[in-house]
Amino acid sequence: MEPTKDKLNLIRSSLIQLHPTILTIHDESHLHVGHNGAKGGGHFSIQITSQAFEGKTPVQRHQMIYEALGDLIKTEIHAISITAKAPNE
């Protein structure tokens, strides 16, 4: 499996615990070639919809995602763009 697909699968498997109804992950690392952080971890964009986000503020939703990602934030992810919604949004 390609390194990019490995990282996407690691991210996806970490976020499954939030029971998403929609989960889209894009590797945007190619947009940051030459950027100092491009060496250490990837740049990703995540769109996630989950009932777990119902009644949560945007900050709380992001905290839930960071918690689910755990050590991937320190190793595989340099930057992440998050769009997190509840199903009724």
N, C-alpha and C. Protein backbone atom coordinates (compact mmCIF):
# COMPACT_ATOMS: atom_id res chain seq x y z
N MET A 1 0.84 -1.18 0.00
CA MET A 1 0.00 0.00 0.00
C MET A 1 0.89 1.24 0.00
N GLU A 2 0.48 2.28 -0.69
CA GLU A 2 1.23 3.52 -0.76
C GLU A 2 1.26 4.21 0.60
N PRO A 3 2.36 4.95 0.89
CA PRO A 3 2.42 5.67 2.17
C PRO A 3 1.23 6.59 2.41
N THR A 4 0.78 7.32 1.37
CA THR A 4 -0.36 8.22 1.52
C THR A 4 -1.61 7.44 1.89
N LYS A 5 -1.85 6.31 1.23
CA LYS A 5 -3.03 5.50 1.56
C LYS A 5 -2.94 4.94 2.96
N ASP A 6 -1.73 4.58 3.39
CA ASP A 6 -1.54 4.12 4.76
C ASP A 6 -1.97 5.19 5.76
N LYS A 7 -1.52 6.43 5.53
CA LYS A 7 -1.87 7.52 6.43
C LYS A 7 -3.37 7.79 6.42
N LEU A 8 -3.97 7.79 5.24
CA LEU A 8 -5.41 8.01 5.15
C LEU A 8 -6.17 6.92 5.90
N ASN A 9 -5.72 5.68 5.76
CA ASN A 9 -6.37 4.57 6.46
C ASN A 9 -6.20 4.67 7.97
N LEU A 10 -5.02 5.12 8.43
CA LEU A 10 -4.81 5.32 9.86
C LEU A 10 -5.74 6.39 10.40
N ILE A 11 -5.87 7.48 9.68
CA ILE A 11 -6.76 8.57 10.10
C ILE A 11 -8.21 8.07 10.12
N ARG A 12 -8.62 7.41 9.04
CA ARG A 12 -9.98 6.90 8.94
C ARG A 12 -10.29 5.94 10.09
N SER A 13 -9.38 5.01 10.36
CA SER A 13 -9.64 4.02 11.42
C SER A 13 -9.68 4.68 12.80
N SER A 14 -8.94 5.77 12.99
CA SER A 14 -8.98 6.48 14.27
C SER A 14 -10.30 7.23 14.47
N LEU A 15 -10.85 7.76 13.38
CA LEU A 15 -12.08 8.56 13.48
C LEU A 15 -13.36 7.71 13.49
N ILE A 16 -13.24 6.44 13.17
CA ILE A 16 -14.41 5.54 13.15
C ILE A 16 -15.10 5.51 14.52
N GLN A 17 -14.33 5.69 15.60
CA GLN A 17 -14.92 5.66 16.94
C GLN A 17 -15.95 6.76 17.16
N LEU A 18 -15.95 7.79 16.30
CA LEU A 18 -16.95 8.86 16.39
C LEU A 18 -18.22 8.52 15.61
N HIS A 19 -18.26 7.35 15.03
CA HIS A 19 -19.42 6.85 14.27
C HIS A 19 -19.91 7.85 13.23
N PRO A 20 -19.02 8.26 12.33
CA PRO A 20 -19.42 9.25 11.32
C PRO A 20 -20.42 8.69 10.31
N THR A 21 -21.35 9.54 9.91
CA THR A 21 -22.24 9.18 8.82
C THR A 21 -21.63 9.65 7.50
N ILE A 22 -20.76 10.65 7.59
CA ILE A 22 -19.98 11.12 6.44
C ILE A 22 -18.56 11.32 6.93
N LEU A 23 -17.60 10.81 6.17
CA LEU A 23 -16.19 11.00 6.50
C LEU A 23 -15.40 11.06 5.21
N THR A 24 -14.86 12.24 4.94
CA THR A 24 -14.04 12.45 3.76
C THR A 24 -12.69 12.99 4.21
N ILE A 25 -11.63 12.35 3.76
CA ILE A 25 -10.28 12.76 4.13
C ILE A 25 -9.49 12.96 2.85
N HIS A 26 -8.86 14.12 2.73
CA HIS A 26 -8.03 14.43 1.57
C HIS A 26 -6.60 14.72 2.04
N ASP A 27 -5.65 14.13 1.33
CA ASP A 27 -4.25 14.43 1.59
C ASP A 27 -3.89 15.64 0.73
N GLU A 28 -3.56 16.74 1.38
CA GLU A 28 -3.22 17.97 0.67
C GLU A 28 -1.73 18.30 0.79
N SER A 29 -0.94 17.29 1.13
CA SER A 29 0.49 17.49 1.34
C SER A 29 1.18 18.04 0.11
N HIS A 30 0.72 17.64 -1.07
CA HIS A 30 1.35 18.10 -2.32
C HIS A 30 1.24 19.62 -2.48
N LEU A 31 0.29 20.23 -1.80
CA LEU A 31 0.13 21.69 -1.87
C LEU A 31 1.16 22.43 -1.01
N HIS A 32 1.89 21.66 -0.20
CA HIS A 32 2.80 22.27 0.75
C HIS A 32 4.25 21.84 0.55
N VAL A 33 4.57 21.35 -0.62
CA VAL A 33 5.94 20.93 -0.92
C VAL A 33 6.86 22.13 -0.75
N GLY A 34 7.96 21.92 -0.05
CA GLY A 34 8.90 23.01 0.21
C GLY A 34 8.64 23.72 1.52
N HIS A 35 7.46 23.56 2.06
CA HIS A 35 7.11 24.12 3.37
C HIS A 35 7.88 23.34 4.42
N ASN A 36 8.44 24.01 5.42
CA ASN A 36 9.25 23.35 6.43
C ASN A 36 8.56 22.14 7.05
N GLY A 37 7.28 22.25 7.34
CA GLY A 37 6.55 21.16 7.97
C GLY A 37 6.24 20.01 7.05
N ALA A 38 6.43 20.19 5.75
CA ALA A 38 6.10 19.14 4.79
C ALA A 38 6.96 17.90 5.00
N LYS A 39 8.09 18.04 5.69
CA LYS A 39 8.99 16.92 5.92
C LYS A 39 8.47 15.98 7.00
N GLY A 40 7.84 16.54 8.04
CA GLY A 40 7.51 15.76 9.22
C GLY A 40 6.21 15.01 9.19
N GLY A 41 5.20 15.54 8.61
CA GLY A 41 3.90 14.89 8.58
C GLY A 41 3.08 15.50 7.49
N GLY A 42 1.97 14.87 7.18
CA GLY A 42 1.15 15.33 6.08
C GLY A 42 0.20 16.46 6.44
N HIS A 43 -0.32 17.08 5.40
CA HIS A 43 -1.36 18.10 5.52
C HIS A 43 -2.66 17.46 5.04
N PHE A 44 -3.68 17.46 5.88
CA PHE A 44 -4.93 16.78 5.57
C PHE A 44 -6.13 17.69 5.77
N SER A 45 -7.17 17.39 5.02
CA SER A 45 -8.46 18.06 5.15
C SER A 45 -9.48 16.97 5.49
N ILE A 46 -10.27 17.22 6.54
CA ILE A 46 -11.27 16.24 6.99
C ILE A 46 -12.63 16.91 7.02
N GLN A 47 -13.60 16.25 6.41
CA GLN A 47 -15.00 16.63 6.54
C GLN A 47 -15.69 15.44 7.22
N ILE A 48 -16.29 15.72 8.37
CA ILE A 48 -16.89 14.64 9.15
C ILE A 48 -18.24 15.09 9.70
N THR A 49 -19.22 14.22 9.57
CA THR A 49 -20.55 14.43 10.15
C THR A 49 -20.82 13.28 11.10
N SER A 50 -21.22 13.61 12.33
CA SER A 50 -21.46 12.58 13.33
C SER A 50 -22.49 13.05 14.34
N GLN A 51 -23.32 12.14 14.79
CA GLN A 51 -24.28 12.42 15.85
C GLN A 51 -23.55 12.82 17.14
N ALA A 52 -22.32 12.36 17.28
CA ALA A 52 -21.52 12.68 18.47
C ALA A 52 -21.28 14.17 18.61
N PHE A 53 -21.42 14.93 17.53
CA PHE A 53 -21.19 16.36 17.57
C PHE A 53 -22.44 17.17 17.93
N GLU A 54 -23.56 16.50 18.06
CA GLU A 54 -24.82 17.18 18.39
C GLU A 54 -24.67 17.92 19.72
N GLY A 55 -24.99 19.22 19.71
CA GLY A 55 -24.94 20.03 20.92
C GLY A 55 -23.54 20.46 21.33
N LYS A 56 -22.54 20.13 20.54
CA LYS A 56 -21.16 20.49 20.85
C LYS A 56 -20.75 21.75 20.10
N THR A 57 -19.90 22.55 20.72
CA THR A 57 -19.37 23.74 20.06
C THR A 57 -18.30 23.29 19.05
N PRO A 58 -17.94 24.18 18.12
CA PRO A 58 -16.87 23.83 17.18
C PRO A 58 -15.57 23.43 17.90
N VAL A 59 -15.22 24.12 18.96
CA VAL A 59 -14.00 23.79 19.70
C VAL A 59 -14.11 22.39 20.31
N GLN A 60 -15.25 22.06 20.89
CA GLN A 60 -15.44 20.73 21.47
C GLN A 60 -15.35 19.65 20.40
N ARG A 61 -15.89 19.92 19.23
CA ARG A 61 -15.83 18.95 18.12
C ARG A 61 -14.39 18.71 17.70
N HIS A 62 -13.63 19.79 17.58
CA HIS A 62 -12.22 19.65 17.20
C HIS A 62 -11.45 18.89 18.28
N GLN A 63 -11.75 19.16 19.53
CA GLN A 63 -11.09 18.44 20.63
C GLN A 63 -11.39 16.94 20.54
N MET A 64 -12.62 16.59 20.22
CA MET A 64 -13.00 15.19 20.07
C MET A 64 -12.20 14.53 18.94
N ILE A 65 -12.04 15.26 17.85
CA ILE A 65 -11.30 14.73 16.71
C ILE A 65 -9.83 14.56 17.06
N TYR A 66 -9.24 15.57 17.68
CA TYR A 66 -7.84 15.47 18.09
C TYR A 66 -7.63 14.31 19.06
N GLU A 67 -8.56 14.12 19.98
CA GLU A 67 -8.46 13.01 20.93
C GLU A 67 -8.53 11.67 20.18
N ALA A 68 -9.44 11.57 19.22
CA ALA A 68 -9.58 10.33 18.45
C ALA A 68 -8.31 10.05 17.63
N LEU A 69 -7.68 11.09 17.12
CA LEU A 69 -6.47 10.92 16.31
C LEU A 69 -5.25 10.58 17.15
N GLY A 70 -5.28 10.95 18.41
CA GLY A 70 -4.21 10.58 19.34
C GLY A 70 -2.82 10.93 18.85
N ASP A 71 -1.91 9.97 18.87
CA ASP A 71 -0.51 10.18 18.51
C ASP A 71 -0.30 10.48 17.03
N LEU A 72 -1.30 10.24 16.19
CA LEU A 72 -1.14 10.57 14.77
C LEU A 72 -0.86 12.06 14.59
N ILE A 73 -1.38 12.87 15.50
CA ILE A 73 -1.16 14.32 15.43
C ILE A 73 0.34 14.62 15.60
N LYS A 74 1.02 13.82 16.39
CA LYS A 74 2.44 14.05 16.65
C LYS A 74 3.34 13.41 15.59
N THR A 75 2.83 12.42 14.88
CA THR A 75 3.69 11.65 13.98
C THR A 75 3.33 11.76 12.50
N GLU A 76 2.09 11.55 12.16
CA GLU A 76 1.68 11.45 10.77
C GLU A 76 1.03 12.72 10.22
N ILE A 77 0.59 13.61 11.12
CA ILE A 77 -0.15 14.79 10.70
C ILE A 77 0.61 16.05 11.13
N HIS A 78 0.93 16.88 10.17
CA HIS A 78 1.56 18.17 10.48
C HIS A 78 0.49 19.25 10.60
N ALA A 79 -0.47 19.23 9.68
CA ALA A 79 -1.54 20.23 9.67
C ALA A 79 -2.84 19.55 9.25
N ILE A 80 -3.93 20.07 9.83
CA ILE A 80 -5.22 19.47 9.53
C ILE A 80 -6.29 20.57 9.47
N SER A 81 -7.11 20.48 8.45
CA SER A 81 -8.25 21.37 8.30
C SER A 81 -9.49 20.53 8.58
N ILE A 82 -10.34 21.00 9.49
CA ILE A 82 -11.48 20.20 9.92
C ILE A 82 -12.80 20.93 9.68
N THR A 83 -13.74 20.22 9.07
CA THR A 83 -15.13 20.65 9.01
C THR A 83 -15.92 19.55 9.72
N ALA A 84 -16.48 19.86 10.89
CA ALA A 84 -17.18 18.88 11.69
C ALA A 84 -18.62 19.35 11.92
N LYS A 85 -19.57 18.50 11.56
CA LYS A 85 -20.99 18.85 11.67
C LYS A 85 -21.78 17.74 12.31
N ALA A 86 -22.90 18.12 12.91
CA ALA A 86 -23.90 17.17 13.36
C ALA A 86 -24.82 16.87 12.17
N PRO A 87 -25.52 15.74 12.16
CA PRO A 87 -26.34 15.37 11.01
C PRO A 87 -27.40 16.39 10.61
N ASN A 88 -27.93 17.16 11.53
CA ASN A 88 -29.00 18.12 11.22
C ASN A 88 -28.47 19.45 10.70
N GLU A 89 -27.17 19.56 10.48
CA GLU A 89 -26.58 20.82 10.02
C GLU A 89 -26.31 20.78 8.53
